[in-house]
Amino acid sequence: MAPKVLLTMMLPPDSQKLIESAKDIELVYWDKPGAIPREKFLELAKGVDGILCMSFDKIDSELLDAAGPNLKVVSTMSVGYDHVDLSELRKRLISLGHTPGVLTDAVADITVLLVLAAARRIREGFRAVEKGEWIWSTTWMLGVQLTNKTIGIVGLGRIGSATALRLKPFTGNNGKIIYFGRVEKPIASSLGATKVEFDTLIRESDVICICCALNEETKEMFNYEVFKKMKSNVRVEELSVKMIFVELCQKGCLVV
């Protein structure tokens, strides 16, 4: 009997065609637009041997109980896996697959895009054009040059190092890249990046790129007290999708 695999969302056309052509599995999938409803997820998971899910599909004890003892592997079409209860998977001897590295270049590219957009006030410019408010003055929409600025990177892993590589040319002869992480990174020397303490990075950086993984250790790393230590005109780009600065909102601060 062929193993039964649940796909929680239709894949891009070529990938969908490939998985549907596999003759050694029984494929069941949610073919409606958007995320699979929780009730349907629990229903379709019954008796499956494998689950291919998305980053917004919660894999917890309830889902694993619904799937039953046949479930051997869960694979998520994402780099992160904070939506998966790892302790439950270990307890049940279920393997986990994910896609590290596949989005490194894309995320680093977008990080640079966001840094430049913030520095050059691109969003404000677009809004002004849309509203017909393009009124010239010598200082109107005056942005910030990255030349000779300090760029701080929190987490010099795959994405952090790819981001540093892209931003380095913008810093000019007297700019610098500093980073904070648990350990020294061998790649840092080739990037011209210097490891510093977290407090130093927060106080000295003109641009801060948060490239670390979201976990119990990092989820509250950037609180109100940390933001108070930053330069008044610092640009902060946060790449850990679910790292929400709740305390800042509660204190009336706006993060854009």
C-alpha atoms as a PDB file:
ATOM      1  CA  MET A   1       0.000   0.000   0.000  1.00  0.00           C
ATOM      2  CA  ALA A   2       1.443   3.369  -1.074  1.00  0.00           C
ATOM      3  CA  PRO A   3       2.207   5.882   1.681  1.00  0.00           C
ATOM      4  CA  LYS A   4      -0.371   8.637   1.973  1.00  0.00           C
ATOM      5  CA  VAL A   5       0.890  12.228   1.788  1.00  0.00           C
ATOM      6  CA  LEU A   6      -1.102  15.351   2.642  1.00  0.00           C
ATOM      7  CA  LEU A   7      -0.295  18.586   0.827  1.00  0.00           C
ATOM      8  CA  THR A   8      -1.878  21.552   2.616  1.00  0.00           C
ATOM      9  CA  MET A   9      -1.706  23.971  -0.331  1.00  0.00           C
ATOM     10  CA  MET A  10      -1.262  23.706  -4.082  1.00  0.00           C
ATOM     11  CA  LEU A  11       2.375  24.146  -5.095  1.00  0.00           C
ATOM     12  CA  PRO A  12       3.685  26.262  -7.986  1.00  0.00           C
ATOM     13  CA  PRO A  13       2.625  24.606 -11.292  1.00  0.00           C
ATOM     14  CA  ASP A  14       5.864  22.760 -12.092  1.00  0.00           C
ATOM     15  CA  SER A  15       6.234  21.451  -8.546  1.00  0.00           C
ATOM     16  CA  GLN A  16       2.569  20.466  -8.353  1.00  0.00           C
ATOM     17  CA  LYS A  17       2.870  18.557 -11.614  1.00  0.00           C
ATOM     18  CA  LEU A  18       5.959  16.776 -10.318  1.00  0.00           C
ATOM     19  CA  ILE A  19       4.399  15.657  -7.039  1.00  0.00           C
ATOM     20  CA  GLU A  20       1.188  14.565  -8.757  1.00  0.00           C
ATOM     21  CA  SER A  21       3.218  12.427 -11.158  1.00  0.00           C
ATOM     22  CA  ALA A  22       4.772  10.448  -8.291  1.00  0.00           C
ATOM     23  CA  LYS A  23       3.381   6.932  -8.638  1.00  0.00           C
ATOM     24  CA  ASP A  24       4.651   5.578  -5.333  1.00  0.00           C
ATOM     25  CA  ILE A  25       2.493   7.776  -3.077  1.00  0.00           C
ATOM     26  CA  GLU A  26      -1.192   8.453  -2.537  1.00  0.00           C
ATOM     27  CA  LEU A  27      -1.566  12.227  -2.623  1.00  0.00           C
ATOM     28  CA  VAL A  28      -4.347  14.158  -0.916  1.00  0.00           C
ATOM     29  CA  TYR A  29      -4.397  17.943  -0.929  1.00  0.00           C
ATOM     30  CA  TRP A  30      -6.334  21.110  -0.249  1.00  0.00           C
ATOM     31  CA  ASP A  31      -7.029  22.647  -3.663  1.00  0.00           C
ATOM     32  CA  LYS A  32      -8.984  25.747  -2.630  1.00  0.00           C
ATOM     33  CA  PRO A  33      -7.469  29.270  -2.540  1.00  0.00           C
ATOM     34  CA  GLY A  34      -5.816  30.331   0.707  1.00  0.00           C
ATOM     35  CA  ALA A  35      -4.743  28.434   3.793  1.00  0.00           C
ATOM     36  CA  ILE A  36      -6.421  25.159   4.641  1.00  0.00           C
ATOM     37  CA  PRO A  37      -9.061  25.626   7.380  1.00  0.00           C
ATOM     38  CA  ARG A  38      -8.066  24.008  10.651  1.00  0.00           C
ATOM     39  CA  GLU A  39     -11.058  21.650  10.683  1.00  0.00           C
ATOM     40  CA  LYS A  40     -10.249  20.449   7.178  1.00  0.00           C
ATOM     41  CA  PHE A  41      -6.579  20.048   8.086  1.00  0.00           C
ATOM     42  CA  LEU A  42      -7.480  17.797  10.999  1.00  0.00           C
ATOM     43  CA  GLU A  43      -9.844  15.805   8.799  1.00  0.00           C
ATOM     44  CA  LEU A  44      -7.465  15.266   5.872  1.00  0.00           C
ATOM     45  CA  ALA A  45      -4.540  14.446   8.180  1.00  0.00           C
ATOM     46  CA  LYS A  46      -6.156  11.237   9.426  1.00  0.00           C
ATOM     47  CA  GLY A  47      -4.016   8.224   8.638  1.00  0.00           C
ATOM     48  CA  VAL A  48      -1.390  10.016   6.552  1.00  0.00           C
ATOM     49  CA  ASP A  49       2.253   8.951   6.451  1.00  0.00           C
ATOM     50  CA  GLY A  50       3.601  12.376   5.544  1.00  0.00           C
ATOM     51  CA  ILE A  51       2.554  16.030   5.595  1.00  0.00           C
ATOM     52  CA  LEU A  52       3.893  18.797   3.360  1.00  0.00           C
ATOM     53  CA  CYS A  53       2.759  22.031   4.998  1.00  0.00           C
ATOM     54  CA  MET A  54       3.265  25.787   4.828  1.00  0.00           C
ATOM     55  CA  SER A  55       4.647  28.233   7.395  1.00  0.00           C
ATOM     56  CA  PHE A  56       1.145  29.222   8.545  1.00  0.00           C
ATOM     57  CA  ASP A  57      -0.024  25.642   9.197  1.00  0.00           C
ATOM     58  CA  LYS A  58       0.206  24.908  12.908  1.00  0.00           C
ATOM     59  CA  ILE A  59       1.709  21.493  13.611  1.00  0.00           C
ATOM     60  CA  ASP A  60       0.905  20.707  17.232  1.00  0.00           C
ATOM     61  CA  SER A  61      -0.229  17.813  19.410  1.00  0.00           C
ATOM     62  CA  GLU A  62      -3.836  18.192  18.245  1.00  0.00           C
ATOM     63  CA  LEU A  63      -2.841  17.814  14.604  1.00  0.00           C
ATOM     64  CA  LEU A  64      -0.431  14.962  15.315  1.00  0.00           C
ATOM     65  CA  ASP A  65      -3.088  13.137  17.324  1.00  0.00           C
ATOM     66  CA  ALA A  66      -5.502  13.544  14.418  1.00  0.00           C
ATOM     67  CA  ALA A  67      -2.929  12.173  11.978  1.00  0.00           C
ATOM     68  CA  GLY A  68      -2.325   9.094  14.077  1.00  0.00           C
ATOM     69  CA  PRO A  69       0.574   6.647  14.425  1.00  0.00           C
ATOM     70  CA  ASN A  70       1.279   6.275  10.696  1.00  0.00           C
ATOM     71  CA  LEU A  71       2.753   9.769  10.446  1.00  0.00           C
ATOM     72  CA  LYS A  72       6.512   9.534   9.902  1.00  0.00           C
ATOM     73  CA  VAL A  73       7.553  12.870   8.439  1.00  0.00           C
ATOM     74  CA  VAL A  74       6.451  16.502   8.378  1.00  0.00           C
ATOM     75  CA  SER A  75       8.051  18.811   5.843  1.00  0.00           C
ATOM     76  CA  THR A  76       7.426  22.547   5.736  1.00  0.00           C
ATOM     77  CA  MET A  77       7.814  24.690   2.633  1.00  0.00           C
ATOM     78  CA  SER A  78       9.666  27.352   4.594  1.00  0.00           C
ATOM     79  CA  VAL A  79      13.028  28.179   6.089  1.00  0.00           C
ATOM     80  CA  GLY A  80      11.610  28.696   9.583  1.00  0.00           C
ATOM     81  CA  TYR A  81       9.742  26.107  11.581  1.00  0.00           C
ATOM     82  CA  ASP A  82       8.483  27.954  14.657  1.00  0.00           C
ATOM     83  CA  HIS A  83       4.960  26.817  13.676  1.00  0.00           C
ATOM     84  CA  VAL A  84       6.004  23.225  14.397  1.00  0.00           C
ATOM     85  CA  ASP A  85       6.041  21.760  17.916  1.00  0.00           C
ATOM     86  CA  LEU A  86       9.480  20.146  17.837  1.00  0.00           C
ATOM     87  CA  SER A  87       9.124  18.496  21.224  1.00  0.00           C
ATOM     88  CA  GLU A  88       6.003  16.674  20.050  1.00  0.00           C
ATOM     89  CA  LEU A  89       7.766  15.506  16.892  1.00  0.00           C
ATOM     90  CA  ARG A  90      10.715  14.193  18.893  1.00  0.00           C
ATOM     91  CA  LYS A  91       8.410  12.427  21.336  1.00  0.00           C
ATOM     92  CA  ARG A  92       6.666  10.643  18.457  1.00  0.00           C
ATOM     93  CA  LEU A  93       9.879   9.999  16.453  1.00  0.00           C
ATOM     94  CA  ILE A  94       8.569  12.031  13.505  1.00  0.00           C
ATOM     95  CA  SER A  95      11.175  13.541  11.175  1.00  0.00           C
ATOM     96  CA  LEU A  96      11.055  17.206  10.134  1.00  0.00           C
ATOM     97  CA  GLY A  97      12.104  18.664   6.802  1.00  0.00           C
ATOM     98  CA  HIS A  98      12.455  22.333   5.866  1.00  0.00           C
ATOM     99  CA  THR A  99      14.164  24.437   3.188  1.00  0.00           C
ATOM    100  CA  PRO A 100      17.203  26.232   4.656  1.00  0.00           C
ATOM    101  CA  GLY A 101      19.094  28.414   2.208  1.00  0.00           C
ATOM    102  CA  VAL A 102      16.481  28.495  -0.522  1.00  0.00           C
ATOM    103  CA  LEU A 103      15.460  32.099   0.213  1.00  0.00           C
ATOM    104  CA  THR A 104      18.798  33.489   1.398  1.00  0.00           C
ATOM    105  CA  ASP A 105      19.499  35.624  -1.669  1.00  0.00           C
ATOM    106  CA  ALA A 106      15.890  36.748  -2.044  1.00  0.00           C
ATOM    107  CA  VAL A 107      15.630  37.864   1.593  1.00  0.00           C
ATOM    108  CA  ALA A 108      19.017  39.610   1.476  1.00  0.00           C
ATOM    109  CA  ASP A 109      17.994  41.439  -1.709  1.00  0.00           C
ATOM    110  CA  ILE A 110      14.752  42.600  -0.120  1.00  0.00           C
ATOM    111  CA  THR A 111      16.610  43.668   3.028  1.00  0.00           C
ATOM    112  CA  VAL A 112      18.791  45.985   0.952  1.00  0.00           C
ATOM    113  CA  LEU A 113      15.681  47.226  -0.831  1.00  0.00           C
ATOM    114  CA  LEU A 114      14.045  48.070   2.511  1.00  0.00           C
ATOM    115  CA  VAL A 115      17.184  49.719   3.893  1.00  0.00           C
ATOM    116  CA  LEU A 116      17.521  51.946   0.828  1.00  0.00           C
ATOM    117  CA  ALA A 117      13.794  52.682   0.794  1.00  0.00           C
ATOM    118  CA  ALA A 118      13.914  53.771   4.437  1.00  0.00           C
ATOM    119  CA  ALA A 119      17.091  55.807   3.981  1.00  0.00           C
ATOM    120  CA  ARG A 120      15.802  57.534   0.846  1.00  0.00           C
ATOM    121  CA  ARG A 121      12.185  57.863   2.040  1.00  0.00           C
ATOM    122  CA  ILE A 122      10.833  56.031  -0.993  1.00  0.00           C
ATOM    123  CA  ARG A 123       7.461  55.217   0.530  1.00  0.00           C
ATOM    124  CA  GLU A 124       6.889  58.849   1.447  1.00  0.00           C
ATOM    125  CA  GLY A 125       7.851  59.853  -2.078  1.00  0.00           C
ATOM    126  CA  PHE A 126       5.389  57.439  -3.660  1.00  0.00           C
ATOM    127  CA  ARG A 127       2.608  58.698  -1.413  1.00  0.00           C
ATOM    128  CA  ALA A 128       3.420  62.306  -2.269  1.00  0.00           C
ATOM    129  CA  VAL A 129       3.298  61.585  -5.999  1.00  0.00           C
ATOM    130  CA  GLU A 130       0.001  59.695  -5.656  1.00  0.00           C
ATOM    131  CA  LYS A 131      -1.541  62.634  -3.781  1.00  0.00           C
ATOM    132  CA  GLY A 132      -0.082  65.294  -6.091  1.00  0.00           C
ATOM    133  CA  GLU A 133       1.969  66.780  -3.273  1.00  0.00           C
ATOM    134  CA  TRP A 134       5.284  67.039  -5.096  1.00  0.00           C
ATOM    135  CA  ILE A 135       6.236  70.557  -4.018  1.00  0.00           C
ATOM    136  CA  TRP A 136       9.920  71.285  -4.515  1.00  0.00           C
ATOM    137  CA  SER A 137      12.171  72.696  -1.812  1.00  0.00           C
ATOM    138  CA  THR A 138      15.862  72.252  -1.090  1.00  0.00           C
ATOM    139  CA  THR A 139      15.269  69.935   1.865  1.00  0.00           C
ATOM    140  CA  TRP A 140      11.990  68.248   0.936  1.00  0.00           C
ATOM    141  CA  MET A 141      12.276  64.446   0.903  1.00  0.00           C
ATOM    142  CA  LEU A 142      15.941  64.731   1.823  1.00  0.00           C
ATOM    143  CA  GLY A 143      17.081  61.242   2.753  1.00  0.00           C
ATOM    144  CA  VAL A 144      20.126  59.707   4.401  1.00  0.00           C
ATOM    145  CA  GLN A 145      23.289  58.522   2.667  1.00  0.00           C
ATOM    146  CA  LEU A 146      24.705  55.177   3.750  1.00  0.00           C
ATOM    147  CA  THR A 147      28.200  56.374   2.890  1.00  0.00           C
ATOM    148  CA  ASN A 148      30.406  56.402   6.005  1.00  0.00           C
ATOM    149  CA  LYS A 149      27.591  55.003   8.129  1.00  0.00           C
ATOM    150  CA  THR A 150      27.681  52.086  10.589  1.00  0.00           C
ATOM    151  CA  ILE A 151      25.533  49.110   9.681  1.00  0.00           C
ATOM    152  CA  GLY A 152      24.730  46.721  12.513  1.00  0.00           C
ATOM    153  CA  ILE A 153      23.631  43.169  11.791  1.00  0.00           C
ATOM    154  CA  VAL A 154      22.085  41.013  14.493  1.00  0.00           C
ATOM    155  CA  GLY A 155      22.773  37.437  13.449  1.00  0.00           C
ATOM    156  CA  LEU A 156      25.535  36.903  10.879  1.00  0.00           C
ATOM    157  CA  GLY A 157      24.168  33.603   9.590  1.00  0.00           C
ATOM    158  CA  ARG A 158      23.226  32.830   5.994  1.00  0.00           C
ATOM    159  CA  ILE A 159      20.920  35.808   5.559  1.00  0.00           C
ATOM    160  CA  GLY A 160      22.943  38.142   7.757  1.00  0.00           C
ATOM    161  CA  SER A 161      26.176  37.505   5.856  1.00  0.00           C
ATOM    162  CA  ALA A 162      24.425  37.775   2.469  1.00  0.00           C
ATOM    163  CA  THR A 163      22.963  41.090   3.612  1.00  0.00           C
ATOM    164  CA  ALA A 164      26.360  42.351   4.791  1.00  0.00           C
ATOM    165  CA  LEU A 165      27.898  41.413   1.436  1.00  0.00           C
ATOM    166  CA  ARG A 166      25.304  43.503  -0.386  1.00  0.00           C
ATOM    167  CA  LEU A 167      25.407  46.504   1.948  1.00  0.00           C
ATOM    168  CA  LYS A 168      29.191  46.744   2.289  1.00  0.00           C
ATOM    169  CA  PRO A 169      29.715  48.712  -0.976  1.00  0.00           C
ATOM    170  CA  PHE A 170      27.284  51.393   0.206  1.00  0.00           C
ATOM    171  CA  THR A 171      29.278  52.222   3.340  1.00  0.00           C
ATOM    172  CA  GLY A 172      32.216  53.892   1.580  1.00  0.00           C
ATOM    173  CA  ASN A 173      35.779  54.161   2.842  1.00  0.00           C
ATOM    174  CA  ASN A 174      34.944  55.236   6.381  1.00  0.00           C
ATOM    175  CA  GLY A 175      31.785  53.270   7.009  1.00  0.00           C
ATOM    176  CA  LYS A 176      31.751  49.926   8.780  1.00  0.00           C
ATOM    177  CA  ILE A 177      29.752  46.801   9.401  1.00  0.00           C
ATOM    178  CA  ILE A 178      29.421  45.443  12.924  1.00  0.00           C
ATOM    179  CA  TYR A 179      27.536  42.378  14.059  1.00  0.00           C
ATOM    180  CA  PHE A 180      26.282  40.659  17.172  1.00  0.00           C
ATOM    181  CA  GLY A 181      25.941  36.925  17.625  1.00  0.00           C
ATOM    182  CA  ARG A 182      26.627  34.151  20.066  1.00  0.00           C
ATOM    183  CA  VAL A 183      29.890  33.125  18.386  1.00  0.00           C
ATOM    184  CA  GLU A 184      32.556  34.571  16.131  1.00  0.00           C
ATOM    185  CA  LYS A 185      31.777  33.975  12.458  1.00  0.00           C
ATOM    186  CA  PRO A 186      34.733  33.008  10.214  1.00  0.00           C
ATOM    187  CA  ILE A 187      33.051  34.706   7.252  1.00  0.00           C
ATOM    188  CA  ALA A 188      33.129  38.052   9.076  1.00  0.00           C
ATOM    189  CA  SER A 189      36.707  38.873   8.073  1.00  0.00           C
ATOM    190  CA  SER A 190      35.954  38.535   4.360  1.00  0.00           C
ATOM    191  CA  LEU A 191      32.961  40.828   4.838  1.00  0.00           C
ATOM    192  CA  GLY A 192      34.943  43.378   6.818  1.00  0.00           C
ATOM    193  CA  ALA A 193      32.544  42.883   9.726  1.00  0.00           C
ATOM    194  CA  THR A 194      33.531  43.241  13.381  1.00  0.00           C
ATOM    195  CA  LYS A 195      31.864  41.403  16.254  1.00  0.00           C
ATOM    196  CA  VAL A 196      30.659  43.677  19.066  1.00  0.00           C
ATOM    197  CA  GLU A 197      28.482  43.432  22.147  1.00  0.00           C
ATOM    198  CA  PHE A 198      24.748  43.860  21.642  1.00  0.00           C
ATOM    199  CA  ASP A 199      24.651  47.146  23.548  1.00  0.00           C
ATOM    200  CA  THR A 200      27.467  48.562  21.394  1.00  0.00           C
ATOM    201  CA  LEU A 201      25.665  47.630  18.200  1.00  0.00           C
ATOM    202  CA  ILE A 202      22.441  49.212  19.415  1.00  0.00           C
ATOM    203  CA  ARG A 203      24.107  52.484  20.391  1.00  0.00           C
ATOM    204  CA  GLU A 204      26.478  52.906  17.424  1.00  0.00           C
ATOM    205  CA  SER A 205      24.522  51.679  14.400  1.00  0.00           C
ATOM    206  CA  ASP A 206      22.896  53.981  11.865  1.00  0.00           C
ATOM    207  CA  VAL A 207      21.149  51.005  10.283  1.00  0.00           C
ATOM    208  CA  ILE A 208      20.193  47.828  12.148  1.00  0.00           C
ATOM    209  CA  CYS A 209      19.266  44.650  10.283  1.00  0.00           C
ATOM    210  CA  ILE A 210      17.704  41.989  12.497  1.00  0.00           C
ATOM    211  CA  CYS A 211      18.644  38.757  10.732  1.00  0.00           C
ATOM    212  CA  CYS A 212      18.542  36.289  13.619  1.00  0.00           C
ATOM    213  CA  ALA A 213      16.103  33.423  13.932  1.00  0.00           C
ATOM    214  CA  LEU A 214      12.974  33.893  15.995  1.00  0.00           C
ATOM    215  CA  ASN A 215      13.110  31.712  19.105  1.00  0.00           C
ATOM    216  CA  GLU A 216      12.639  31.921  22.860  1.00  0.00           C
ATOM    217  CA  GLU A 217      16.000  33.661  23.230  1.00  0.00           C
ATOM    218  CA  THR A 218      15.376  36.358  20.614  1.00  0.00           C
ATOM    219  CA  LYS A 219      11.633  37.006  20.583  1.00  0.00           C
ATOM    220  CA  GLU A 220      11.841  39.782  23.194  1.00  0.00           C
ATOM    221  CA  MET A 221      15.330  40.985  22.323  1.00  0.00           C
ATOM    222  CA  PHE A 222      14.087  44.312  20.955  1.00  0.00           C
ATOM    223  CA  ASN A 223      11.995  45.939  23.644  1.00  0.00           C
ATOM    224  CA  TYR A 224      11.273  49.547  24.516  1.00  0.00           C
ATOM    225  CA  GLU A 225      14.444  49.943  26.595  1.00  0.00           C
ATOM    226  CA  VAL A 226      16.576  48.733  23.688  1.00  0.00           C
ATOM    227  CA  PHE A 227      14.982  51.194  21.278  1.00  0.00           C
ATOM    228  CA  LYS A 228      15.607  54.042  23.721  1.00  0.00           C
ATOM    229  CA  LYS A 229      19.360  53.378  23.418  1.00  0.00           C
ATOM    230  CA  MET A 230      19.363  53.718  19.628  1.00  0.00           C
ATOM    231  CA  LYS A 231      20.271  56.822  17.676  1.00  0.00           C
ATOM    232  CA  SER A 232      17.232  58.999  17.064  1.00  0.00           C
ATOM    233  CA  ASN A 233      17.328  58.547  13.282  1.00  0.00           C
ATOM    234  CA  VAL A 234      18.310  54.874  13.135  1.00  0.00           C
ATOM    235  CA  ARG A 235      16.754  52.673  10.433  1.00  0.00           C
ATOM    236  CA  VAL A 236      15.673  49.241  11.660  1.00  0.00           C
ATOM    237  CA  GLU A 237      14.853  46.392   9.280  1.00  0.00           C
ATOM    238  CA  GLU A 238      13.370  43.281  10.891  1.00  0.00           C
ATOM    239  CA  LEU A 239      13.365  40.026   8.925  1.00  0.00           C
ATOM    240  CA  SER A 240      12.012  37.555  11.473  1.00  0.00           C
ATOM    241  CA  VAL A 241       8.454  37.646  10.233  1.00  0.00           C
ATOM    242  CA  LYS A 242       6.686  37.124  13.550  1.00  0.00           C
ATOM    243  CA  MET A 243       8.945  39.233  15.791  1.00  0.00           C
ATOM    244  CA  ILE A 244       6.340  41.809  16.815  1.00  0.00           C
ATOM    245  CA  PHE A 245       7.366  44.790  18.910  1.00  0.00           C
ATOM    246  CA  VAL A 246       4.290  44.639  21.148  1.00  0.00           C
ATOM    247  CA  GLU A 247       5.783  46.738  23.942  1.00  0.00           C
ATOM    248  CA  LEU A 248       6.565  49.579  21.530  1.00  0.00           C
ATOM    249  CA  CYS A 249       2.967  49.684  20.341  1.00  0.00           C
ATOM    250  CA  GLN A 250       1.707  49.623  23.907  1.00  0.00           C
ATOM    251  CA  LYS A 251       3.880  52.640  24.715  1.00  0.00           C
ATOM    252  CA  GLY A 252       2.606  54.584  21.719  1.00  0.00           C
ATOM    253  CA  CYS A 253       5.628  54.050  19.474  1.00  0.00           C
ATOM    254  CA  LEU A 254       5.138  53.430  15.770  1.00  0.00           C
ATOM    255  CA  VAL A 255       7.298  50.944  13.895  1.00  0.00           C
ATOM    256  CA  VAL A 256       7.052  51.217  10.106  1.00  0.00           C
END
